[in-house]
């Protein structure tokens, strides 16, 4: 199995707060989860309002059977569409992919 963890620091954009953009990202990633067959498990978590403000805003936690499945996910139209949104509201990104 491959674990794919991505963290994003979001910003205010298009008249929405960082938190509102996090909620929108979560909603949009639900579409990715529903439509990418290679994605075995997907979850979006939002940083606690009580946590330090320099933390990342959201994290995507994803499981794939193989690295080839992860690569297919990266180019899937649902993921590409999500990427367009997140690209407009993120300031930073960090990622790790590992076998477990």
N, C-alpha and C. Protein backbone atom coordinates (compact mmCIF):
# COMPACT_ATOMS: atom_id res chain seq x y z
N UNK A 1 0.84 -1.19 0.00
CA UNK A 1 0.00 0.00 0.00
C UNK A 1 0.89 1.25 0.00
N UNK A 2 0.36 2.29 -0.60
CA UNK A 2 1.03 3.58 -0.64
C UNK A 2 0.18 4.59 0.13
N UNK A 3 0.81 5.29 1.05
CA UNK A 3 0.15 6.38 1.77
C UNK A 3 0.64 7.68 1.15
N UNK A 4 -0.31 8.52 0.76
CA UNK A 4 -0.03 9.82 0.13
C UNK A 4 -0.61 10.87 1.07
N UNK A 5 0.26 11.67 1.66
CA UNK A 5 -0.17 12.71 2.59
C UNK A 5 0.26 14.06 2.01
N UNK A 6 -0.70 14.95 1.84
CA UNK A 6 -0.42 16.29 1.32
C UNK A 6 -0.99 17.31 2.30
N UNK A 7 -0.19 18.32 2.61
CA UNK A 7 -0.65 19.39 3.48
C UNK A 7 -0.61 20.70 2.71
N UNK A 8 -1.63 21.51 2.90
CA UNK A 8 -1.71 22.82 2.26
C UNK A 8 -1.93 23.90 3.31
N UNK A 9 -1.23 25.00 3.14
CA UNK A 9 -1.51 26.22 3.89
C UNK A 9 -2.36 27.07 2.96
N UNK A 10 -3.56 27.40 3.39
CA UNK A 10 -4.48 28.16 2.55
C UNK A 10 -4.48 29.63 2.94
N UNK A 11 -5.09 30.44 2.06
CA UNK A 11 -5.16 31.88 2.27
C UNK A 11 -6.59 32.35 2.03
N UNK A 12 -6.84 33.59 2.39
CA UNK A 12 -8.08 34.24 1.99
C UNK A 12 -8.02 34.43 0.48
N UNK A 13 -9.10 34.13 -0.19
CA UNK A 13 -9.13 34.30 -1.65
C UNK A 13 -10.57 34.39 -2.12
N UNK A 14 -10.80 35.18 -3.13
CA UNK A 14 -12.13 35.33 -3.73
C UNK A 14 -13.20 35.68 -2.70
N UNK A 15 -12.83 36.50 -1.72
CA UNK A 15 -13.78 36.94 -0.71
C UNK A 15 -14.09 35.91 0.35
N UNK A 16 -13.36 34.81 0.38
CA UNK A 16 -13.58 33.77 1.38
C UNK A 16 -12.39 33.70 2.33
N UNK A 17 -12.68 33.38 3.58
CA UNK A 17 -11.62 33.24 4.58
C UNK A 17 -10.83 31.95 4.35
N UNK A 18 -9.70 31.85 5.01
CA UNK A 18 -8.89 30.63 4.96
C UNK A 18 -9.75 29.42 5.35
N UNK A 19 -10.53 29.55 6.42
CA UNK A 19 -11.37 28.45 6.88
C UNK A 19 -12.46 28.11 5.87
N UNK A 20 -13.09 29.11 5.29
CA UNK A 20 -14.11 28.86 4.26
C UNK A 20 -13.51 28.14 3.06
N UNK A 21 -12.29 28.51 2.68
CA UNK A 21 -11.62 27.82 1.58
C UNK A 21 -11.27 26.39 1.96
N UNK A 22 -10.96 26.15 3.23
CA UNK A 22 -10.71 24.78 3.69
C UNK A 22 -11.97 23.94 3.58
N UNK A 23 -13.11 24.50 3.97
CA UNK A 23 -14.38 23.78 3.85
C UNK A 23 -14.71 23.48 2.38
N UNK A 24 -14.45 24.46 1.51
CA UNK A 24 -14.68 24.26 0.08
C UNK A 24 -13.75 23.18 -0.49
N UNK A 25 -12.50 23.18 -0.05
CA UNK A 25 -11.54 22.15 -0.50
C UNK A 25 -12.01 20.78 -0.05
N UNK A 26 -12.48 20.68 1.17
CA UNK A 26 -12.98 19.40 1.68
C UNK A 26 -14.15 18.92 0.83
N UNK A 27 -15.07 19.80 0.53
CA UNK A 27 -16.23 19.46 -0.31
C UNK A 27 -15.78 19.01 -1.70
N UNK A 28 -14.85 19.73 -2.27
CA UNK A 28 -14.37 19.38 -3.61
C UNK A 28 -13.57 18.08 -3.62
N UNK A 29 -12.84 17.82 -2.54
CA UNK A 29 -12.09 16.57 -2.51
C UNK A 29 -13.01 15.37 -2.33
N UNK A 30 -14.17 15.55 -1.74
CA UNK A 30 -15.16 14.47 -1.67
C UNK A 30 -15.51 13.99 -3.08
N UNK A 31 -15.52 14.89 -4.05
CA UNK A 31 -15.76 14.52 -5.45
C UNK A 31 -14.62 13.66 -5.98
N UNK A 32 -13.40 13.97 -5.60
CA UNK A 32 -12.25 13.15 -6.00
C UNK A 32 -12.39 11.75 -5.41
N UNK A 33 -12.72 11.67 -4.14
CA UNK A 33 -12.88 10.37 -3.47
C UNK A 33 -13.94 9.54 -4.18
N UNK A 34 -15.03 10.18 -4.55
CA UNK A 34 -16.14 9.47 -5.19
C UNK A 34 -15.85 9.03 -6.61
N UNK A 35 -14.90 9.68 -7.29
CA UNK A 35 -14.73 9.45 -8.72
C UNK A 35 -13.40 8.84 -9.16
N UNK A 36 -12.45 8.72 -8.27
CA UNK A 36 -11.16 8.14 -8.65
C UNK A 36 -11.09 6.70 -8.14
N UNK A 37 -11.26 5.72 -9.03
CA UNK A 37 -11.33 4.33 -8.58
C UNK A 37 -10.03 3.82 -7.95
N UNK A 38 -8.90 4.39 -8.30
CA UNK A 38 -7.62 3.94 -7.74
C UNK A 38 -7.44 4.36 -6.28
N UNK A 39 -8.21 5.33 -5.85
CA UNK A 39 -8.12 5.84 -4.48
C UNK A 39 -8.88 4.90 -3.56
N UNK A 40 -8.15 4.13 -2.77
CA UNK A 40 -8.77 3.14 -1.88
C UNK A 40 -9.42 3.80 -0.67
N UNK A 41 -8.78 4.85 -0.17
CA UNK A 41 -9.30 5.57 0.99
C UNK A 41 -8.82 7.01 0.90
N UNK A 42 -9.71 7.96 1.14
CA UNK A 42 -9.33 9.36 1.12
C UNK A 42 -10.02 10.10 2.24
N UNK A 43 -9.31 11.04 2.82
CA UNK A 43 -9.86 11.84 3.91
C UNK A 43 -9.23 13.23 3.86
N UNK A 44 -10.02 14.23 4.18
CA UNK A 44 -9.51 15.59 4.33
C UNK A 44 -9.71 15.99 5.78
N UNK A 45 -8.64 16.48 6.39
CA UNK A 45 -8.74 16.98 7.76
C UNK A 45 -8.37 18.46 7.77
N UNK A 46 -9.06 19.21 8.61
CA UNK A 46 -8.86 20.65 8.72
C UNK A 46 -8.23 20.94 10.09
N UNK A 47 -7.20 21.77 10.08
CA UNK A 47 -6.51 22.13 11.30
C UNK A 47 -7.47 22.73 12.32
N UNK A 48 -7.29 22.38 13.57
CA UNK A 48 -8.12 22.90 14.65
C UNK A 48 -7.97 24.42 14.77
N UNK A 49 -9.07 25.09 15.02
CA UNK A 49 -9.05 26.54 15.21
C UNK A 49 -8.19 26.92 16.42
N UNK A 50 -8.02 25.99 17.37
CA UNK A 50 -7.24 26.25 18.57
C UNK A 50 -5.75 25.93 18.40
N UNK A 51 -5.38 25.36 17.26
CA UNK A 51 -3.98 25.01 17.00
C UNK A 51 -3.20 26.25 16.58
N UNK A 52 -1.89 26.19 16.62
CA UNK A 52 -1.09 27.34 16.18
C UNK A 52 -1.43 27.77 14.75
N UNK A 53 -1.49 29.07 14.54
CA UNK A 53 -1.88 29.61 13.24
C UNK A 53 -0.85 29.38 12.15
N UNK A 54 0.39 29.01 12.51
CA UNK A 54 1.38 28.72 11.47
C UNK A 54 1.33 27.27 11.01
N UNK A 55 0.41 26.48 11.58
CA UNK A 55 0.19 25.11 11.09
C UNK A 55 -0.37 25.16 9.67
N UNK A 56 -0.25 24.04 8.97
CA UNK A 56 -0.93 23.92 7.68
C UNK A 56 -2.43 23.90 7.93
N UNK A 57 -3.20 24.31 6.95
CA UNK A 57 -4.65 24.46 7.09
C UNK A 57 -5.38 23.14 6.92
N UNK A 58 -5.02 22.39 5.89
CA UNK A 58 -5.69 21.11 5.61
C UNK A 58 -4.66 20.06 5.24
N UNK A 59 -5.07 18.82 5.38
CA UNK A 59 -4.25 17.70 4.94
C UNK A 59 -5.13 16.69 4.23
N UNK A 60 -4.62 16.14 3.14
CA UNK A 60 -5.28 15.04 2.42
C UNK A 60 -4.55 13.76 2.80
N UNK A 61 -5.29 12.77 3.23
CA UNK A 61 -4.73 11.48 3.62
C UNK A 61 -5.31 10.43 2.67
N UNK A 62 -4.45 9.83 1.86
CA UNK A 62 -4.93 8.95 0.79
C UNK A 62 -4.16 7.63 0.80
N UNK A 63 -4.88 6.55 0.47
CA UNK A 63 -4.29 5.23 0.36
C UNK A 63 -4.49 4.69 -1.05
N UNK A 64 -3.42 4.11 -1.59
CA UNK A 64 -3.44 3.48 -2.92
C UNK A 64 -2.80 2.10 -2.81
N UNK A 65 -3.23 1.19 -3.67
CA UNK A 65 -2.63 -0.14 -3.67
C UNK A 65 -1.19 -0.11 -4.17
N UNK A 66 -0.92 0.71 -5.21
CA UNK A 66 0.40 0.74 -5.84
C UNK A 66 0.79 2.17 -6.20
N UNK A 67 2.05 2.36 -6.50
CA UNK A 67 2.52 3.67 -6.95
C UNK A 67 1.92 4.00 -8.31
N UNK A 68 1.66 2.98 -9.14
CA UNK A 68 0.99 3.22 -10.42
C UNK A 68 -0.42 3.77 -10.21
N UNK A 69 -1.11 3.29 -9.18
CA UNK A 69 -2.44 3.82 -8.87
C UNK A 69 -2.34 5.28 -8.42
N UNK A 70 -1.32 5.61 -7.64
CA UNK A 70 -1.11 6.99 -7.22
C UNK A 70 -0.86 7.87 -8.44
N UNK A 71 -0.05 7.39 -9.37
CA UNK A 71 0.24 8.16 -10.58
C UNK A 71 -1.01 8.35 -11.43
N UNK A 72 -1.87 7.34 -11.51
CA UNK A 72 -3.13 7.47 -12.26
C UNK A 72 -4.04 8.50 -11.59
N UNK A 73 -4.08 8.50 -10.29
CA UNK A 73 -4.86 9.49 -9.52
C UNK A 73 -4.43 10.91 -9.85
N UNK A 74 -3.11 11.11 -9.96
CA UNK A 74 -2.58 12.45 -10.21
C UNK A 74 -3.11 13.06 -11.50
N UNK A 75 -3.38 12.22 -12.50
CA UNK A 75 -3.82 12.72 -13.81
C UNK A 75 -5.32 12.54 -14.04
N UNK A 76 -6.03 11.97 -13.08
CA UNK A 76 -7.47 11.78 -13.22
C UNK A 76 -8.16 13.15 -13.30
N UNK A 77 -9.15 13.31 -14.20
CA UNK A 77 -9.82 14.61 -14.35
C UNK A 77 -10.39 15.18 -13.05
N UNK A 78 -10.91 14.35 -12.16
CA UNK A 78 -11.45 14.87 -10.89
C UNK A 78 -10.34 15.48 -10.03
N UNK A 79 -9.17 14.84 -10.02
CA UNK A 79 -8.04 15.36 -9.26
C UNK A 79 -7.49 16.62 -9.91
N UNK A 80 -7.40 16.64 -11.22
CA UNK A 80 -6.92 17.82 -11.94
C UNK A 80 -7.82 19.02 -11.64
N UNK A 81 -9.13 18.80 -11.64
CA UNK A 81 -10.07 19.87 -11.33
C UNK A 81 -9.88 20.37 -9.89
N UNK A 82 -9.71 19.46 -8.96
CA UNK A 82 -9.44 19.84 -7.58
C UNK A 82 -8.16 20.67 -7.51
N UNK A 83 -7.15 20.24 -8.26
CA UNK A 83 -5.87 20.95 -8.27
C UNK A 83 -5.99 22.39 -8.74
N UNK A 84 -6.89 22.65 -9.67
CA UNK A 84 -7.11 24.02 -10.14
C UNK A 84 -7.62 24.89 -9.00
N UNK A 85 -8.57 24.36 -8.23
CA UNK A 85 -9.10 25.12 -7.10
C UNK A 85 -8.02 25.34 -6.05
N UNK A 86 -7.36 24.27 -5.65
CA UNK A 86 -6.40 24.38 -4.55
C UNK A 86 -5.23 25.27 -4.94
N UNK A 87 -4.88 25.26 -6.22
CA UNK A 87 -3.80 26.13 -6.69
C UNK A 87 -4.11 27.60 -6.51
N UNK A 88 -5.38 27.94 -6.56
CA UNK A 88 -5.80 29.34 -6.43
C UNK A 88 -5.89 29.81 -4.98
N UNK A 89 -5.94 28.87 -4.02
CA UNK A 89 -6.15 29.26 -2.62
C UNK A 89 -5.01 28.83 -1.69
N UNK A 90 -3.98 28.21 -2.22
CA UNK A 90 -2.88 27.75 -1.36
C UNK A 90 -1.71 28.72 -1.39
N UNK A 91 -0.99 28.73 -0.27
CA UNK A 91 0.27 29.47 -0.22
C UNK A 91 1.45 28.52 -0.13
N UNK A 92 1.25 27.35 0.47
CA UNK A 92 2.32 26.37 0.64
C UNK A 92 1.76 24.96 0.51
N UNK A 93 2.66 24.03 0.15
CA UNK A 93 2.29 22.62 0.01
C UNK A 93 3.46 21.78 0.49
N UNK A 94 3.14 20.69 1.17
CA UNK A 94 4.14 19.69 1.55
C UNK A 94 3.52 18.32 1.29
N UNK A 95 4.35 17.36 0.88
CA UNK A 95 3.82 16.04 0.52
C UNK A 95 4.81 14.96 0.87
N UNK A 96 4.29 13.79 1.20
CA UNK A 96 5.10 12.59 1.38
C UNK A 96 4.31 11.40 0.86
N UNK A 97 4.99 10.48 0.19
CA UNK A 97 4.41 9.23 -0.27
C UNK A 97 5.30 8.11 0.26
N UNK A 98 4.68 7.12 0.93
CA UNK A 98 5.51 6.03 1.46
C UNK A 98 4.74 4.72 1.41
N UNK A 99 5.51 3.63 1.36
CA UNK A 99 4.91 2.29 1.39
C UNK A 99 4.71 1.86 2.84
N UNK A 100 3.62 1.14 3.04
CA UNK A 100 3.38 0.58 4.38
C UNK A 100 2.75 -0.79 4.26
